[in-house]
C-alpha cells in the first residue's frame, strides 16, 4: 500500500455535560483503518493534556488508508 503524507491539525476543547471547562485532562487520539485484507486496525498515534481552558491540539500525518477514522478518548483530569 503506497502511503501519501499530509499534515492534519486536529484541535478541540473538553467540557463536562454542564459546560464546565475541563483543564488538565488526558486526551488520547487513535486512528482506525482497514488494511488490504479488510481487517480493522486501531493504532494509538498520540496523547496530550488539555490546558487550563480545556483546549487540546494534535498535528498528525494522515495516511491514505482505506476508511480512515480518528478516535479521541478523554480521561479524568490529573490532580
PDB file of N, CA and C in Angstrom:
ATOM      1  N   UNK A   1       0.848  -1.170   0.000  1.00  0.00           N
ATOM      2  CA  UNK A   1       0.000   0.000   0.000  1.00  0.00           C
ATOM      3  C   UNK A   1       0.900   1.242   0.000  1.00  0.00           C
ATOM      4  N   UNK A   2       0.757   2.064  -1.005  1.00  0.00           N
ATOM      5  CA  UNK A   2       1.552   3.278  -1.107  1.00  0.00           C
ATOM      6  C   UNK A   2       0.988   4.335  -0.163  1.00  0.00           C
ATOM      7  N   UNK A   3       1.877   4.989   0.588  1.00  0.00           N
ATOM      8  CA  UNK A   3       1.436   5.984   1.563  1.00  0.00           C
ATOM      9  C   UNK A   3       1.742   7.391   1.069  1.00  0.00           C
ATOM     10  N   UNK A   4       0.832   8.270   1.297  1.00  0.00           N
ATOM     11  CA  UNK A   4       0.986   9.671   0.935  1.00  0.00           C
ATOM     12  C   UNK A   4       0.819  10.477   2.218  1.00  0.00           C
ATOM     13  N   UNK A   5       1.778  11.345   2.539  1.00  0.00           N
ATOM     14  CA  UNK A   5       1.762  12.059   3.805  1.00  0.00           C
ATOM     15  C   UNK A   5       1.154  13.448   3.643  1.00  0.00           C
ATOM     16  N   UNK A   6       0.196  13.743   4.499  1.00  0.00           N
ATOM     17  CA  UNK A   6      -0.433  15.051   4.568  1.00  0.00           C
ATOM     18  C   UNK A   6      -0.520  15.404   6.047  1.00  0.00           C
ATOM     19  N   UNK A   7      -0.211  16.641   6.413  1.00  0.00           N
ATOM     20  CA  UNK A   7      -0.321  17.068   7.809  1.00  0.00           C
ATOM     21  C   UNK A   7      -1.744  17.520   8.096  1.00  0.00           C
ATOM     22  N   UNK A   8      -2.295  17.042   9.191  1.00  0.00           N
ATOM     23  CA  UNK A   8      -3.617  17.450   9.660  1.00  0.00           C
ATOM     24  C   UNK A   8      -3.475  18.065  11.037  1.00  0.00           C
ATOM     25  N   UNK A   9      -4.214  19.120  11.287  1.00  0.00           N
ATOM     26  CA  UNK A   9      -4.275  19.729  12.607  1.00  0.00           C
ATOM     27  C   UNK A   9      -5.654  19.426  13.179  1.00  0.00           C
ATOM     28  N   UNK A  10      -5.666  18.706  14.286  1.00  0.00           N
ATOM     29  CA  UNK A  10      -6.919  18.364  14.951  1.00  0.00           C
ATOM     30  C   UNK A  10      -6.912  19.063  16.296  1.00  0.00           C
ATOM     31  N   UNK A  11      -7.887  19.933  16.505  1.00  0.00           N
ATOM     32  CA  UNK A  11      -7.940  20.651  17.772  1.00  0.00           C
ATOM     33  C   UNK A  11      -9.368  20.689  18.281  1.00  0.00           C
ATOM     34  N   UNK A  12      -9.499  20.925  19.565  1.00  0.00           N
ATOM     35  CA  UNK A  12     -10.821  20.973  20.167  1.00  0.00           C
ATOM     36  C   UNK A  12     -10.717  21.375  21.617  1.00  0.00           C
ATOM     37  N   UNK A  13     -11.799  21.219  22.332  1.00  0.00           N
ATOM     38  CA  UNK A  13     -11.808  21.527  23.753  1.00  0.00           C
ATOM     39  C   UNK A  13     -12.665  20.497  24.469  1.00  0.00           C
ATOM     40  N   UNK A  14     -12.446  20.390  25.779  1.00  0.00           N
ATOM     41  CA  UNK A  14     -13.140  19.397  26.588  1.00  0.00           C
ATOM     42  C   UNK A  14     -13.980  20.127  27.628  1.00  0.00           C
ATOM     43  N   UNK A  15     -15.266  19.767  27.683  1.00  0.00           N
ATOM     44  CA  UNK A  15     -16.175  20.327  28.686  1.00  0.00           C
ATOM     45  C   UNK A  15     -17.026  19.202  29.259  1.00  0.00           C
ATOM     46  N   UNK A  16     -17.436  19.383  30.505  1.00  0.00           N
ATOM     47  CA  UNK A  16     -18.392  18.456  31.108  1.00  0.00           C
ATOM     48  C   UNK A  16     -19.762  18.684  30.494  1.00  0.00           C
ATOM     49  N   UNK A  17     -20.719  17.824  30.807  1.00  0.00           N
ATOM     50  CA  UNK A  17     -22.064  17.950  30.240  1.00  0.00           C
ATOM     51  C   UNK A  17     -22.761  19.238  30.672  1.00  0.00           C
ATOM     52  N   UNK A  18     -22.343  19.830  31.797  1.00  0.00           N
ATOM     53  CA  UNK A  18     -22.928  21.102  32.228  1.00  0.00           C
ATOM     54  C   UNK A  18     -22.112  22.295  31.709  1.00  0.00           C
ATOM     55  N   UNK A  19     -21.289  22.057  30.699  1.00  0.00           N
ATOM     56  CA  UNK A  19     -20.467  23.061  30.003  1.00  0.00           C
ATOM     57  C   UNK A  19     -19.333  23.640  30.844  1.00  0.00           C
ATOM     58  N   UNK A  20     -18.993  23.000  31.966  1.00  0.00           N
ATOM     59  CA  UNK A  20     -17.839  23.430  32.749  1.00  0.00           C
ATOM     60  C   UNK A  20     -16.568  22.992  32.024  1.00  0.00           C
ATOM     61  N   UNK A  21     -15.604  23.904  31.907  1.00  0.00           N
ATOM     62  CA  UNK A  21     -14.342  23.621  31.211  1.00  0.00           C
ATOM     63  C   UNK A  21     -13.534  22.597  32.001  1.00  0.00           C
ATOM     64  N   UNK A  22     -12.907  21.659  31.292  1.00  0.00           N
ATOM     65  CA  UNK A  22     -12.093  20.616  31.919  1.00  0.00           C
ATOM     66  C   UNK A  22     -10.632  20.875  31.588  1.00  0.00           C
ATOM     67  N   UNK A  23      -9.887  21.389  32.546  1.00  0.00           N
ATOM     68  CA  UNK A  23      -8.454  21.600  32.363  1.00  0.00           C
ATOM     69  C   UNK A  23      -7.676  20.414  32.894  1.00  0.00           C
ATOM     70  N   UNK A  24      -6.502  20.179  32.332  1.00  0.00           N
ATOM     71  CA  UNK A  24      -5.580  19.143  32.792  1.00  0.00           C
ATOM     72  C   UNK A  24      -6.121  17.723  32.607  1.00  0.00           C
ATOM     73  N   UNK A  25      -6.968  17.503  31.603  1.00  0.00           N
ATOM     74  CA  UNK A  25      -7.474  16.161  31.295  1.00  0.00           C
ATOM     75  C   UNK A  25      -6.558  15.510  30.250  1.00  0.00           C
ATOM     76  N   UNK A  26      -6.432  14.207  30.301  1.00  0.00           N
ATOM     77  CA  UNK A  26      -5.608  13.467  29.345  1.00  0.00           C
ATOM     78  C   UNK A  26      -6.444  13.156  28.104  1.00  0.00           C
ATOM     79  N   UNK A  27      -5.900  13.483  26.926  1.00  0.00           N
ATOM     80  CA  UNK A  27      -6.577  13.248  25.658  1.00  0.00           C
ATOM     81  C   UNK A  27      -5.693  12.320  24.819  1.00  0.00           C
ATOM     82  N   UNK A  28      -6.250  11.196  24.374  1.00  0.00           N
ATOM     83  CA  UNK A  28      -5.516  10.231  23.546  1.00  0.00           C
ATOM     84  C   UNK A  28      -6.215  10.143  22.197  1.00  0.00           C
ATOM     85  N   UNK A  29      -5.427  10.124  21.121  1.00  0.00           N
ATOM     86  CA  UNK A  29      -6.006  10.003  19.781  1.00  0.00           C
ATOM     87  C   UNK A  29      -5.522   8.707  19.136  1.00  0.00           C
ATOM     88  N   UNK A  30      -6.455   8.016  18.496  1.00  0.00           N
ATOM     89  CA  UNK A  30      -6.185   6.777  17.774  1.00  0.00           C
ATOM     90  C   UNK A  30      -6.602   6.962  16.324  1.00  0.00           C
ATOM     91  N   UNK A  31      -5.998   6.168  15.437  1.00  0.00           N
ATOM     92  CA  UNK A  31      -6.530   6.049  14.087  1.00  0.00           C
ATOM     93  C   UNK A  31      -7.044   4.624  13.930  1.00  0.00           C
ATOM     94  N   UNK A  32      -8.083   4.486  13.135  1.00  0.00           N
ATOM     95  CA  UNK A  32      -8.660   3.175  12.836  1.00  0.00           C
ATOM     96  C   UNK A  32      -8.850   3.112  11.330  1.00  0.00           C
ATOM     97  N   UNK A  33      -8.404   2.022  10.735  1.00  0.00           N
ATOM     98  CA  UNK A  33      -8.471   1.884   9.280  1.00  0.00           C
ATOM     99  C   UNK A  33      -8.550   0.410   8.906  1.00  0.00           C
ATOM    100  N   UNK A  34      -8.856   0.160   7.638  1.00  0.00           N
ATOM    101  CA  UNK A  34      -8.881  -1.205   7.118  1.00  0.00           C
ATOM    102  C   UNK A  34      -7.614  -1.446   6.304  1.00  0.00           C
ATOM    103  N   UNK A  35      -6.986  -2.609   6.533  1.00  0.00           N
ATOM    104  CA  UNK A  35      -5.804  -2.955   5.751  1.00  0.00           C
ATOM    105  C   UNK A  35      -6.217  -3.595   4.429  1.00  0.00           C
ATOM    106  N   UNK A  36      -5.241  -4.077   3.678  1.00  0.00           N
ATOM    107  CA  UNK A  36      -5.542  -4.648   2.357  1.00  0.00           C
ATOM    108  C   UNK A  36      -6.373  -5.934   2.428  1.00  0.00           C
ATOM    109  N   UNK A  37      -6.468  -6.541   3.624  1.00  0.00           N
ATOM    110  CA  UNK A  37      -7.291  -7.742   3.802  1.00  0.00           C
ATOM    111  C   UNK A  37      -8.649  -7.404   4.433  1.00  0.00           C
ATOM    112  N   UNK A  38      -8.983  -6.125   4.479  1.00  0.00           N
ATOM    113  CA  UNK A  38     -10.234  -5.606   5.057  1.00  0.00           C
ATOM    114  C   UNK A  38     -10.384  -5.897   6.548  1.00  0.00           C
ATOM    115  N   UNK A  39      -9.264  -6.058   7.252  1.00  0.00           N
ATOM    116  CA  UNK A  39      -9.292  -6.201   8.703  1.00  0.00           C
ATOM    117  C   UNK A  39      -9.132  -4.816   9.316  1.00  0.00           C
ATOM    118  N   UNK A  40      -9.892  -4.530  10.378  1.00  0.00           N
ATOM    119  CA  UNK A  40      -9.803  -3.238  11.047  1.00  0.00           C
ATOM    120  C   UNK A  40      -8.570  -3.200  11.947  1.00  0.00           C
ATOM    121  N   UNK A  41      -7.786  -2.157  11.830  1.00  0.00           N
ATOM    122  CA  UNK A  41      -6.580  -1.942  12.624  1.00  0.00           C
ATOM    123  C   UNK A  41      -6.778  -0.654  13.422  1.00  0.00           C
ATOM    124  N   UNK A  42      -6.440  -0.687  14.723  1.00  0.00           N
ATOM    125  CA  UNK A  42      -6.535   0.506  15.566  1.00  0.00           C
ATOM    126  C   UNK A  42      -5.164   0.774  16.165  1.00  0.00           C
ATOM    127  N   UNK A  43      -4.651   1.991  15.998  1.00  0.00           N
ATOM    128  CA  UNK A  43      -3.326   2.360  16.496  1.00  0.00           C
ATOM    129  C   UNK A  43      -3.406   3.656  17.285  1.00  0.00           C
ATOM    130  N   UNK A  44      -2.711   3.686  18.431  1.00  0.00           N
ATOM    131  CA  UNK A  44      -2.583   4.940  19.175  1.00  0.00           C
ATOM    132  C   UNK A  44      -1.525   5.783  18.478  1.00  0.00           C
ATOM    133  N   UNK A  45      -1.841   7.032  18.193  1.00  0.00           N
ATOM    134  CA  UNK A  45      -0.887   7.874  17.475  1.00  0.00           C
ATOM    135  C   UNK A  45      -0.412   9.069  18.285  1.00  0.00           C
ATOM    136  N   UNK A  46      -1.037   9.348  19.420  1.00  0.00           N
ATOM    137  CA  UNK A  46      -0.566  10.465  20.226  1.00  0.00           C
ATOM    138  C   UNK A  46      -1.415  10.705  21.452  1.00  0.00           C
ATOM    139  N   UNK A  47      -0.862  11.494  22.359  1.00  0.00           N
ATOM    140  CA  UNK A  47      -1.606  11.886  23.547  1.00  0.00           C
ATOM    141  C   UNK A  47      -1.116  13.248  24.007  1.00  0.00           C
ATOM    142  N   UNK A  48      -1.963  13.935  24.738  1.00  0.00           N
ATOM    143  CA  UNK A  48      -1.636  15.259  25.246  1.00  0.00           C
ATOM    144  C   UNK A  48      -2.502  15.532  26.468  1.00  0.00           C
ATOM    145  N   UNK A  49      -2.332  16.714  27.050  1.00  0.00           N
ATOM    146  CA  UNK A  49      -3.117  17.154  28.198  1.00  0.00           C
ATOM    147  C   UNK A  49      -3.761  18.485  27.836  1.00  0.00           C
ATOM    148  N   UNK A  50      -5.001  18.700  28.268  1.00  0.00           N
ATOM    149  CA  UNK A  50      -5.657  19.973  27.986  1.00  0.00           C
ATOM    150  C   UNK A  50      -5.049  21.083  28.836  1.00  0.00           C
ATOM    151  N   UNK A  51      -5.113  22.319  28.318  1.00  0.00           N
ATOM    152  CA  UNK A  51      -4.638  23.461  29.097  1.00  0.00           C
ATOM    153  C   UNK A  51      -5.732  23.918  30.061  1.00  0.00           C
ATOM    154  N   UNK A  52      -5.522  25.035  30.752  1.00  0.00           N
ATOM    155  CA  UNK A  52      -6.495  25.495  31.747  1.00  0.00           C
ATOM    156  C   UNK A  52      -7.824  25.933  31.127  1.00  0.00           C
ATOM    157  N   UNK A  53      -7.852  26.130  29.800  1.00  0.00           N
ATOM    158  CA  UNK A  53      -9.088  26.491  29.105  1.00  0.00           C
ATOM    159  C   UNK A  53      -9.768  25.268  28.474  1.00  0.00           C
ATOM    160  N   UNK A  54      -9.241  24.076  28.722  1.00  0.00           N
ATOM    161  CA  UNK A  54      -9.827  22.849  28.192  1.00  0.00           C
ATOM    162  C   UNK A  54      -9.467  22.558  26.746  1.00  0.00           C
ATOM    163  N   UNK A  55      -8.495  23.280  26.180  1.00  0.00           N
ATOM    164  CA  UNK A  55      -8.145  23.129  24.767  1.00  0.00           C
ATOM    165  C   UNK A  55      -7.048  22.083  24.574  1.00  0.00           C
ATOM    166  N   UNK A  56      -7.103  21.388  23.441  1.00  0.00           N
ATOM    167  CA  UNK A  56      -6.047  20.456  23.056  1.00  0.00           C
ATOM    168  C   UNK A  56      -5.818  20.571  21.558  1.00  0.00           C
ATOM    169  N   UNK A  57      -4.662  20.066  21.103  1.00  0.00           N
ATOM    170  CA  UNK A  57      -4.330  20.152  19.682  1.00  0.00           C
ATOM    171  C   UNK A  57      -3.365  19.024  19.320  1.00  0.00           C
ATOM    172  N   UNK A  58      -3.560  18.434  18.142  1.00  0.00           N
ATOM    173  CA  UNK A  58      -2.672  17.410  17.598  1.00  0.00           C
ATOM    174  C   UNK A  58      -2.289  17.803  16.176  1.00  0.00           C
ATOM    175  N   UNK A  59      -1.021  17.655  15.823  1.00  0.00           N
ATOM    176  CA  UNK A  59      -0.574  17.778  14.433  1.00  0.00           C
ATOM    177  C   UNK A  59      -0.177  16.374  13.993  1.00  0.00           C
ATOM    178  N   UNK A  60      -0.930  15.808  13.060  1.00  0.00           N
ATOM    179  CA  UNK A  60      -0.757  14.407  12.683  1.00  0.00           C
ATOM    180  C   UNK A  60      -0.480  14.250  11.204  1.00  0.00           C
ATOM    181  N   UNK A  61       0.262  13.204  10.879  1.00  0.00           N
ATOM    182  CA  UNK A  61       0.367  12.781   9.486  1.00  0.00           C
ATOM    183  C   UNK A  61      -0.882  11.985   9.149  1.00  0.00           C
ATOM    184  N   UNK A  62      -1.456  12.244   7.996  1.00  0.00           N
ATOM    185  CA  UNK A  62      -2.607  11.452   7.544  1.00  0.00           C
ATOM    186  C   UNK A  62      -2.134  10.536   6.436  1.00  0.00           C
ATOM    187  N   UNK A  63      -2.461   9.282   6.553  1.00  0.00           N
ATOM    188  CA  UNK A  63      -2.120   8.311   5.528  1.00  0.00           C
ATOM    189  C   UNK A  63      -3.338   8.086   4.646  1.00  0.00           C
ATOM    190  N   UNK A  64      -3.130   7.535   3.477  1.00  0.00           N
ATOM    191  CA  UNK A  64      -4.269   7.254   2.595  1.00  0.00           C
ATOM    192  C   UNK A  64      -4.805   5.846   2.854  1.00  0.00           C
ATOM    193  N   UNK A  65      -5.062   5.550   4.123  1.00  0.00           N
ATOM    194  CA  UNK A  65      -5.633   4.259   4.486  1.00  0.00           C
ATOM    195  C   UNK A  65      -7.098   4.196   4.073  1.00  0.00           C
ATOM    196  N   UNK A  66      -7.566   2.983   3.850  1.00  0.00           N
ATOM    197  CA  UNK A  66      -8.964   2.754   3.498  1.00  0.00           C
ATOM    198  C   UNK A  66      -9.835   2.959   4.746  1.00  0.00           C
ATOM    199  N   UNK A  67     -10.901   3.746   4.620  1.00  0.00           N
ATOM    200  CA  UNK A  67     -11.857   4.007   5.706  1.00  0.00           C
ATOM    201  C   UNK A  67     -11.180   4.530   6.975  1.00  0.00           C
ATOM    202  N   UNK A  68     -10.320   5.517   6.842  1.00  0.00           N
ATOM    203  CA  UNK A  68      -9.592   6.088   7.981  1.00  0.00           C
ATOM    204  C   UNK A  68     -10.542   6.844   8.902  1.00  0.00           C
ATOM    205  N   UNK A  69     -10.427   6.577  10.207  1.00  0.00           N
ATOM    206  CA  UNK A  69     -11.222   7.258  11.226  1.00  0.00           C
ATOM    207  C   UNK A  69     -10.295   7.725  12.332  1.00  0.00           C
ATOM    208  N   UNK A  70     -10.654   8.841  12.960  1.00  0.00           N
ATOM    209  CA  UNK A  70      -9.949   9.314  14.148  1.00  0.00           C
ATOM    210  C   UNK A  70     -10.831   9.044  15.357  1.00  0.00           C
ATOM    211  N   UNK A  71     -10.232   8.522  16.420  1.00  0.00           N
ATOM    212  CA  UNK A  71     -10.949   8.247  17.662  1.00  0.00           C
ATOM    213  C   UNK A  71     -10.242   9.026  18.763  1.00  0.00           C
ATOM    214  N   UNK A  72     -10.997   9.826  19.509  1.00  0.00           N
ATOM    215  CA  UNK A  72     -10.424  10.631  20.587  1.00  0.00           C
ATOM    216  C   UNK A  72     -11.043  10.180  21.901  1.00  0.00           C
ATOM    217  N   UNK A  73     -10.183   9.847  22.882  1.00  0.00           N
ATOM    218  CA  UNK A  73     -10.633   9.455  24.215  1.00  0.00           C
ATOM    219  C   UNK A  73     -10.148  10.496  25.210  1.00  0.00           C
ATOM    220  N   UNK A  74     -10.985  10.808  26.179  1.00  0.00           N
ATOM    221  CA  UNK A  74     -10.634  11.780  27.215  1.00  0.00           C
ATOM    222  C   UNK A  74     -10.767  11.099  28.568  1.00  0.00           C
ATOM    223  N   UNK A  75      -9.766  11.318  29.431  1.00  0.00           N
ATOM    224  CA  UNK A  75      -9.771  10.739  30.766  1.00  0.00           C
ATOM    225  C   UNK A  75      -9.819  11.843  31.808  1.00  0.00           C
ATOM    226  N   UNK A  76     -10.232  11.494  33.006  1.00  0.00           N
ATOM    227  CA  UNK A  76     -10.399  12.450  34.101  1.00  0.00           C
ATOM    228  C   UNK A  76      -9.169  13.341  34.273  1.00  0.00           C
ATOM    229  N   UNK A  77      -9.382  14.568  34.739  1.00  0.00           N
ATOM    230  CA  UNK A  77      -8.258  15.491  34.946  1.00  0.00           C
ATOM    231  C   UNK A  77      -7.245  14.951  35.946  1.00  0.00           C
ATOM    232  N   UNK A  78      -5.998  15.310  35.699  1.00  0.00           N
ATOM    233  CA  UNK A  78      -4.928  14.964  36.628  1.00  0.00           C
ATOM    234  C   UNK A  78      -4.950  15.946  37.794  1.00  0.00           C
ATOM    235  N   UNK A  79      -4.565  15.494  38.958  1.00  0.00           N
ATOM    236  CA  UNK A  79      -4.531  16.395  40.120  1.00  0.00           C
ATOM    237  C   UNK A  79      -3.130  16.850  40.398  1.00  0.00           C
TER     238      UNK A  79
END
